[in-house]
PDB file of all heavy atoms in Angstrom:
ATOM      1  N   ASN A   1      -6.288   3.773  -6.457  1.00  0.00           N
ATOM      2  CA  ASN A   1      -6.767   2.441  -6.545  1.00  0.00           C
ATOM      3  C   ASN A   1      -5.955   1.382  -5.758  1.00  0.00           C
ATOM      4  O   ASN A   1      -4.871   1.856  -5.102  1.00  0.00           O
ATOM      5  CB  ASN A   1      -6.842   1.985  -7.988  1.00  0.00           C
ATOM      6  CG  ASN A   1      -8.161   2.522  -8.585  1.00  0.00           C
ATOM      7  OD1 ASN A   1      -8.781   3.436  -8.164  1.00  0.00           O
ATOM      8  ND2 ASN A   1      -8.596   1.854  -9.715  1.00  0.00           N
ATOM      9  N   PHE A   2      -6.218   0.176  -5.732  1.00  0.00           N
ATOM     10  CA  PHE A   2      -5.452  -0.828  -5.097  1.00  0.00           C
ATOM     11  C   PHE A   2      -4.455  -1.373  -6.122  1.00  0.00           C
ATOM     12  O   PHE A   2      -4.843  -1.739  -7.172  1.00  0.00           O
ATOM     13  CB  PHE A   2      -6.357  -1.978  -4.590  1.00  0.00           C
ATOM     14  CG  PHE A   2      -7.163  -1.521  -3.459  1.00  0.00           C
ATOM     15  CD1 PHE A   2      -8.512  -1.069  -3.705  1.00  0.00           C
ATOM     16  CD2 PHE A   2      -6.769  -1.551  -2.082  1.00  0.00           C
ATOM     17  CE1 PHE A   2      -9.390  -0.679  -2.636  1.00  0.00           C
ATOM     18  CE2 PHE A   2      -7.595  -1.100  -1.106  1.00  0.00           C
ATOM     19  CZ  PHE A   2      -8.831  -0.689  -1.332  1.00  0.00           C
ATOM     20  N   HIS A   3      -3.204  -1.417  -5.770  1.00  0.00           N
ATOM     21  CA  HIS A   3      -2.122  -1.571  -6.704  1.00  0.00           C
ATOM     22  C   HIS A   3      -1.473  -3.010  -6.655  1.00  0.00           C
ATOM     23  O   HIS A   3      -1.558  -3.666  -5.628  1.00  0.00           O
ATOM     24  CB  HIS A   3      -0.944  -0.548  -6.553  1.00  0.00           C
ATOM     25  CG  HIS A   3      -1.487   0.806  -6.707  1.00  0.00           C
ATOM     26  ND1 HIS A   3      -1.944   1.404  -7.858  1.00  0.00           N
ATOM     27  CD2 HIS A   3      -1.601   1.821  -5.663  1.00  0.00           C
ATOM     28  CE1 HIS A   3      -2.361   2.621  -7.642  1.00  0.00           C
ATOM     29  NE2 HIS A   3      -2.116   2.941  -6.319  1.00  0.00           N
ATOM     30  N   LEU A   4      -0.842  -3.406  -7.721  1.00  0.00           N
ATOM     31  CA  LEU A   4      -0.268  -4.682  -7.725  1.00  0.00           C
ATOM     32  C   LEU A   4       1.003  -4.839  -6.810  1.00  0.00           C
ATOM     33  O   LEU A   4       1.570  -3.817  -6.450  1.00  0.00           O
ATOM     34  CB  LEU A   4       0.356  -4.997  -9.171  1.00  0.00           C
ATOM     35  CG  LEU A   4      -0.613  -5.473 -10.197  1.00  0.00           C
ATOM     36  CD1 LEU A   4      -1.590  -4.433 -10.761  1.00  0.00           C
ATOM     37  CD2 LEU A   4       0.151  -6.168 -11.411  1.00  0.00           C
ATOM     38  N   PRO A   5       1.322  -6.068  -6.346  1.00  0.00           N
ATOM     39  CA  PRO A   5       2.375  -6.100  -5.397  1.00  0.00           C
ATOM     40  C   PRO A   5       3.789  -5.766  -6.011  1.00  0.00           C
ATOM     41  O   PRO A   5       3.890  -5.769  -7.298  1.00  0.00           O
ATOM     42  CB  PRO A   5       2.402  -7.644  -5.132  1.00  0.00           C
ATOM     43  CG  PRO A   5       1.150  -8.142  -5.497  1.00  0.00           C
ATOM     44  CD  PRO A   5       0.664  -7.283  -6.644  1.00  0.00           C
ATOM     45  N   LYS A   6       4.701  -5.308  -5.290  1.00  0.00           N
ATOM     46  CA  LYS A   6       6.051  -5.122  -5.671  1.00  0.00           C
ATOM     47  C   LYS A   6       6.143  -4.034  -6.752  1.00  0.00           C
ATOM     48  O   LYS A   6       7.067  -4.038  -7.583  1.00  0.00           O
ATOM     49  CB  LYS A   6       6.693  -6.385  -6.177  1.00  0.00           C
ATOM     50  CG  LYS A   6       6.877  -7.388  -5.084  1.00  0.00           C
ATOM     51  CD  LYS A   6       7.605  -8.533  -5.638  1.00  0.00           C
ATOM     52  CE  LYS A   6       7.812  -9.668  -4.578  1.00  0.00           C
ATOM     53  NZ  LYS A   6       8.503 -10.794  -5.126  1.00  0.00           N
ATOM     54  N   THR A   7       5.226  -2.976  -6.717  1.00  0.00           N
ATOM     55  CA  THR A   7       5.285  -2.005  -7.795  1.00  0.00           C
ATOM     56  C   THR A   7       5.639  -0.626  -7.087  1.00  0.00           C
ATOM     57  O   THR A   7       5.356  -0.458  -5.893  1.00  0.00           O
ATOM     58  CB  THR A   7       3.940  -1.747  -8.473  1.00  0.00           C
ATOM     59  OG1 THR A   7       2.844  -1.531  -7.511  1.00  0.00           O
ATOM     60  CG2 THR A   7       3.486  -3.135  -9.195  1.00  0.00           C
ATOM     61  N   THR A   8       6.090   0.337  -7.936  1.00  0.00           N
ATOM     62  CA  THR A   8       6.379   1.659  -7.461  1.00  0.00           C
ATOM     63  C   THR A   8       5.120   2.312  -7.082  1.00  0.00           C
ATOM     64  O   THR A   8       5.142   3.256  -6.175  1.00  0.00           O
ATOM     65  CB  THR A   8       7.012   2.411  -8.546  1.00  0.00           C
ATOM     66  OG1 THR A   8       6.261   2.517  -9.777  1.00  0.00           O
ATOM     67  CG2 THR A   8       8.392   1.839  -9.098  1.00  0.00           C
ATOM     68  N   LEU A   9       3.981   1.972  -7.590  1.00  0.00           N
ATOM     69  CA  LEU A   9       2.759   2.598  -7.199  1.00  0.00           C
ATOM     70  C   LEU A   9       2.435   2.276  -5.805  1.00  0.00           C
ATOM     71  O   LEU A   9       2.009   3.176  -5.007  1.00  0.00           O
ATOM     72  CB  LEU A   9       1.656   2.078  -8.131  1.00  0.00           C
ATOM     73  CG  LEU A   9       1.783   2.336  -9.571  1.00  0.00           C
ATOM     74  CD1 LEU A   9       1.095   1.241 -10.487  1.00  0.00           C
ATOM     75  CD2 LEU A   9       1.279   3.618 -10.027  1.00  0.00           C
ATOM     76  N   LEU A  10       2.541   1.004  -5.413  1.00  0.00           N
ATOM     77  CA  LEU A  10       2.337   0.603  -4.014  1.00  0.00           C
ATOM     78  C   LEU A  10       3.301   1.253  -3.031  1.00  0.00           C
ATOM     79  O   LEU A  10       3.044   1.626  -1.982  1.00  0.00           O
ATOM     80  CB  LEU A  10       2.343  -0.966  -3.903  1.00  0.00           C
ATOM     81  CG  LEU A  10       2.019  -1.520  -2.518  1.00  0.00           C
ATOM     82  CD1 LEU A  10       0.869  -1.143  -1.962  1.00  0.00           C
ATOM     83  CD2 LEU A  10       2.191  -3.033  -2.579  1.00  0.00           C
ATOM     84  N   MET A  11       4.468   1.343  -3.561  1.00  0.00           N
ATOM     85  CA  MET A  11       5.603   1.930  -2.624  1.00  0.00           C
ATOM     86  C   MET A  11       5.331   3.418  -2.396  1.00  0.00           C
ATOM     87  O   MET A  11       5.428   3.911  -1.321  1.00  0.00           O
ATOM     88  CB  MET A  11       6.896   1.699  -3.405  1.00  0.00           C
ATOM     89  CG  MET A  11       7.357   0.371  -3.502  1.00  0.00           C
ATOM     90  SD  MET A  11       8.806   0.139  -4.560  1.00  0.00           S
ATOM     91  CE  MET A  11       8.833  -1.696  -4.778  1.00  0.00           C
ATOM     92  N   LEU A  12       4.742   4.106  -3.482  1.00  0.00           N
ATOM     93  CA  LEU A  12       4.326   5.512  -3.257  1.00  0.00           C
ATOM     94  C   LEU A  12       3.298   5.639  -2.164  1.00  0.00           C
ATOM     95  O   LEU A  12       3.342   6.575  -1.355  1.00  0.00           O
ATOM     96  CB  LEU A  12       3.971   6.086  -4.637  1.00  0.00           C
ATOM     97  CG  LEU A  12       3.601   7.576  -4.533  1.00  0.00           C
ATOM     98  CD1 LEU A  12       3.780   8.220  -6.082  1.00  0.00           C
ATOM     99  CD2 LEU A  12       2.120   7.987  -4.174  1.00  0.00           C
ATOM    100  N   VAL A  13       2.262   4.791  -2.319  1.00  0.00           N
ATOM    101  CA  VAL A  13       1.155   4.882  -1.342  1.00  0.00           C
ATOM    102  C   VAL A  13       1.744   4.586   0.115  1.00  0.00           C
ATOM    103  O   VAL A  13       1.336   5.208   1.068  1.00  0.00           O
ATOM    104  CB  VAL A  13       0.133   3.960  -1.693  1.00  0.00           C
ATOM    105  CG1 VAL A  13      -0.961   3.864  -0.649  1.00  0.00           C
ATOM    106  CG2 VAL A  13      -0.537   4.302  -3.069  1.00  0.00           C
ATOM    107  N   CYS A  14       2.628   3.667   0.198  1.00  0.00           N
ATOM    108  CA  CYS A  14       3.153   3.298   1.500  1.00  0.00           C
ATOM    109  C   CYS A  14       4.105   4.440   1.995  1.00  0.00           C
ATOM    110  O   CYS A  14       4.094   4.740   3.197  1.00  0.00           O
ATOM    111  CB  CYS A  14       4.063   2.045   1.452  1.00  0.00           C
ATOM    112  SG  CYS A  14       3.076   0.479   1.132  1.00  0.00           S
ATOM    113  N   ALA A  15       4.637   5.156   1.152  1.00  0.00           N
ATOM    114  CA  ALA A  15       5.462   6.400   1.538  1.00  0.00           C
ATOM    115  C   ALA A  15       4.586   7.393   2.077  1.00  0.00           C
ATOM    116  O   ALA A  15       4.934   8.079   3.102  1.00  0.00           O
ATOM    117  CB  ALA A  15       6.172   6.877   0.277  1.00  0.00           C
ATOM    118  N   PHE A  16       3.354   7.499   1.563  1.00  0.00           N
ATOM    119  CA  PHE A  16       2.399   8.539   1.978  1.00  0.00           C
ATOM    120  C   PHE A  16       1.763   8.218   3.268  1.00  0.00           C
ATOM    121  O   PHE A  16       1.552   9.068   4.180  1.00  0.00           O
ATOM    122  CB  PHE A  16       1.283   8.744   0.967  1.00  0.00           C
ATOM    123  CG  PHE A  16       0.452   9.960   1.092  1.00  0.00           C
ATOM    124  CD1 PHE A  16       0.940  11.265   1.020  1.00  0.00           C
ATOM    125  CD2 PHE A  16      -0.906   9.811   1.454  1.00  0.00           C
ATOM    126  CE1 PHE A  16       0.148  12.291   1.191  1.00  0.00           C
ATOM    127  CE2 PHE A  16      -1.702  10.835   1.589  1.00  0.00           C
ATOM    128  CZ  PHE A  16      -1.192  12.124   1.470  1.00  0.00           C
ATOM    129  N   ALA A  17       1.368   6.984   3.500  1.00  0.00           N
ATOM    130  CA  ALA A  17       0.552   6.538   4.621  1.00  0.00           C
ATOM    131  C   ALA A  17       1.195   5.647   5.660  1.00  0.00           C
ATOM    132  O   ALA A  17       0.729   5.421   6.776  1.00  0.00           O
ATOM    133  CB  ALA A  17      -0.743   5.897   4.176  1.00  0.00           C
ATOM    134  N   GLY A  18       2.430   5.088   5.236  1.00  0.00           N
ATOM    135  CA  GLY A  18       3.140   4.167   6.110  1.00  0.00           C
ATOM    136  C   GLY A  18       2.891   2.738   5.662  1.00  0.00           C
ATOM    137  O   GLY A  18       1.643   2.409   5.398  1.00  0.00           O
ATOM    138  N   ARG A  19       3.868   1.988   5.621  1.00  0.00           N
ATOM    139  CA  ARG A  19       3.758   0.648   5.133  1.00  0.00           C
ATOM    140  C   ARG A  19       2.808  -0.242   5.928  1.00  0.00           C
ATOM    141  O   ARG A  19       1.989  -0.967   5.467  1.00  0.00           O
ATOM    142  CB  ARG A  19       5.093  -0.106   5.015  1.00  0.00           C
ATOM    143  CG  ARG A  19       5.034  -1.490   4.315  1.00  0.00           C
ATOM    144  CD  ARG A  19       6.513  -1.982   4.093  1.00  0.00           C
ATOM    145  NE  ARG A  19       7.073  -2.222   5.359  1.00  0.00           N
ATOM    146  CZ  ARG A  19       6.933  -3.509   5.948  1.00  0.00           C
ATOM    147  NH1 ARG A  19       6.215  -4.417   5.453  1.00  0.00           N
ATOM    148  NH2 ARG A  19       7.533  -3.716   7.116  1.00  0.00           N
ATOM    149  N   ASP A  20       2.941  -0.126   7.337  1.00  0.00           N
ATOM    150  CA  ASP A  20       2.174  -0.943   8.127  1.00  0.00           C
ATOM    151  C   ASP A  20       0.601  -0.639   8.047  1.00  0.00           C
ATOM    152  O   ASP A  20      -0.240  -1.544   8.004  1.00  0.00           O
ATOM    153  CB  ASP A  20       2.498  -0.779   9.648  1.00  0.00           C
ATOM    154  CG  ASP A  20       3.909  -1.363   9.885  1.00  0.00           C
ATOM    155  OD1 ASP A  20       4.389  -2.149   9.002  1.00  0.00           O
ATOM    156  OD2 ASP A  20       4.506  -0.985  10.898  1.00  0.00           O
ATOM    157  N   LEU A  21       0.326   0.688   7.888  1.00  0.00           N
ATOM    158  CA  LEU A  21      -1.065   1.060   7.787  1.00  0.00           C
ATOM    159  C   LEU A  21      -1.668   0.632   6.441  1.00  0.00           C
ATOM    160  O   LEU A  21      -2.789   0.088   6.360  1.00  0.00           O
ATOM    161  CB  LEU A  21      -1.268   2.579   7.938  1.00  0.00           C
ATOM    162  CG  LEU A  21      -2.673   3.148   7.759  1.00  0.00           C
ATOM    163  CD1 LEU A  21      -3.668   2.517   8.695  1.00  0.00           C
ATOM    164  CD2 LEU A  21      -2.685   4.610   8.031  1.00  0.00           C
ATOM    165  N   ILE A  22      -0.884   0.759   5.388  1.00  0.00           N
ATOM    166  CA  ILE A  22      -1.352   0.290   4.102  1.00  0.00           C
ATOM    167  C   ILE A  22      -1.544  -1.221   4.025  1.00  0.00           C
ATOM    168  O   ILE A  22      -2.430  -1.724   3.380  1.00  0.00           O
ATOM    169  CB  ILE A  22      -0.397   0.741   2.933  1.00  0.00           C
ATOM    170  CG1 ILE A  22      -0.529   2.283   2.912  1.00  0.00           C
ATOM    171  CG2 ILE A  22      -0.686   0.141   1.618  1.00  0.00           C
ATOM    172  CD1 ILE A  22      -1.946   2.865   2.549  1.00  0.00           C
ATOM    173  N   ARG A  23      -0.553  -1.891   4.689  1.00  0.00           N
ATOM    174  CA  ARG A  23      -0.716  -3.345   4.773  1.00  0.00           C
ATOM    175  C   ARG A  23      -1.964  -3.706   5.460  1.00  0.00           C
ATOM    176  O   ARG A  23      -2.774  -4.623   4.986  1.00  0.00           O
ATOM    177  CB  ARG A  23       0.460  -3.992   5.460  1.00  0.00           C
ATOM    178  CG  ARG A  23       0.352  -5.455   5.691  1.00  0.00           C
ATOM    179  CD  ARG A  23       0.177  -6.341   4.426  1.00  0.00           C
ATOM    180  NE  ARG A  23       1.245  -6.216   3.576  1.00  0.00           N
ATOM    181  CZ  ARG A  23       2.349  -7.110   3.657  1.00  0.00           C
ATOM    182  NH1 ARG A  23       2.354  -8.088   4.502  1.00  0.00           N
ATOM    183  NH2 ARG A  23       3.356  -6.947   2.859  1.00  0.00           N
ATOM    184  N   ARG A  24      -2.327  -3.124   6.480  1.00  0.00           N
ATOM    185  CA  ARG A  24      -3.586  -3.355   7.228  1.00  0.00           C
ATOM    186  C   ARG A  24      -4.779  -3.008   6.370  1.00  0.00           C
ATOM    187  O   ARG A  24      -5.789  -3.690   6.425  1.00  0.00           O
ATOM    188  CB  ARG A  24      -3.595  -2.564   8.579  1.00  0.00           C
ATOM    189  CG  ARG A  24      -4.756  -2.894   9.491  1.00  0.00           C
ATOM    190  CD  ARG A  24      -4.593  -2.521  10.922  1.00  0.00           C
ATOM    191  NE  ARG A  24      -4.345  -1.144  11.034  1.00  0.00           N
ATOM    192  CZ  ARG A  24      -5.298  -0.230  11.223  1.00  0.00           C
ATOM    193  NH1 ARG A  24      -6.556  -0.643  11.142  1.00  0.00           N
ATOM    194  NH2 ARG A  24      -5.098   1.013  11.401  1.00  0.00           N
ATOM    195  N   ALA A  25      -4.659  -1.953   5.626  1.00  0.00           N
ATOM    196  CA  ALA A  25      -5.784  -1.562   4.772  1.00  0.00           C
ATOM    197  C   ALA A  25      -6.023  -2.527   3.651  1.00  0.00           C
ATOM    198  O   ALA A  25      -7.185  -2.984   3.280  1.00  0.00           O
ATOM    199  CB  ALA A  25      -5.532  -0.120   4.193  1.00  0.00           C
ATOM    200  N   TYR A  26      -4.943  -2.983   3.055  1.00  0.00           N
ATOM    201  CA  TYR A  26      -5.000  -3.986   2.044  1.00  0.00           C
ATOM    202  C   TYR A  26      -5.589  -5.298   2.511  1.00  0.00           C
ATOM    203  O   TYR A  26      -6.355  -6.043   1.911  1.00  0.00           O
ATOM    204  CB  TYR A  26      -3.721  -4.287   1.343  1.00  0.00           C
ATOM    205  CG  TYR A  26      -3.438  -3.351   0.130  1.00  0.00           C
ATOM    206  CD1 TYR A  26      -3.535  -1.983   0.390  1.00  0.00           C
ATOM    207  CD2 TYR A  26      -3.010  -3.809  -1.102  1.00  0.00           C
ATOM    208  CE1 TYR A  26      -3.249  -1.084  -0.702  1.00  0.00           C
ATOM    209  CE2 TYR A  26      -2.796  -3.007  -2.133  1.00  0.00           C
ATOM    210  CZ  TYR A  26      -2.883  -1.692  -2.022  1.00  0.00           C
ATOM    211  OH  TYR A  26      -2.662  -0.774  -3.050  1.00  0.00           O
ATOM    212  N   ASP A  27      -5.143  -5.705   3.745  1.00  0.00           N
ATOM    213  CA  ASP A  27      -5.690  -6.915   4.352  1.00  0.00           C
ATOM    214  C   ASP A  27      -7.140  -6.751   4.541  1.00  0.00           C
ATOM    215  O   ASP A  27      -7.992  -7.685   4.319  1.00  0.00           O
ATOM    216  CB  ASP A  27      -5.037  -7.232   5.667  1.00  0.00           C
ATOM    217  CG  ASP A  27      -3.547  -7.687   5.528  1.00  0.00           C
ATOM    218  OD1 ASP A  27      -3.257  -8.078   4.363  1.00  0.00           O
ATOM    219  OD2 ASP A  27      -2.843  -7.698   6.542  1.00  0.00           O
ATOM    220  N   ALA A  28      -7.678  -5.615   4.999  1.00  0.00           N
ATOM    221  CA  ALA A  28      -9.133  -5.371   5.166  1.00  0.00           C
ATOM    222  C   ALA A  28      -9.906  -5.336   3.887  1.00  0.00           C
ATOM    223  O   ALA A  28     -10.939  -5.926   3.879  1.00  0.00           O
ATOM    224  CB  ALA A  28      -9.299  -4.041   5.940  1.00  0.00           C
ATOM    225  N   ALA A  29      -9.212  -4.784   2.801  1.00  0.00           N
ATOM    226  CA  ALA A  29      -9.974  -4.778   1.600  1.00  0.00           C
ATOM    227  C   ALA A  29     -10.115  -6.206   1.016  1.00  0.00           C
ATOM    228  O   ALA A  29     -11.116  -6.540   0.483  1.00  0.00           O
ATOM    229  CB  ALA A  29      -9.161  -3.945   0.691  1.00  0.00           C
TER     230      ALA A  29
END
């Protein structure tokens, strides 16, 4: 799912896909 800011959940997703790509995905969402 889409996670709260500054959480370990969001950090895990960024570890998997890269922070820049996840940031772009969240901006698009």
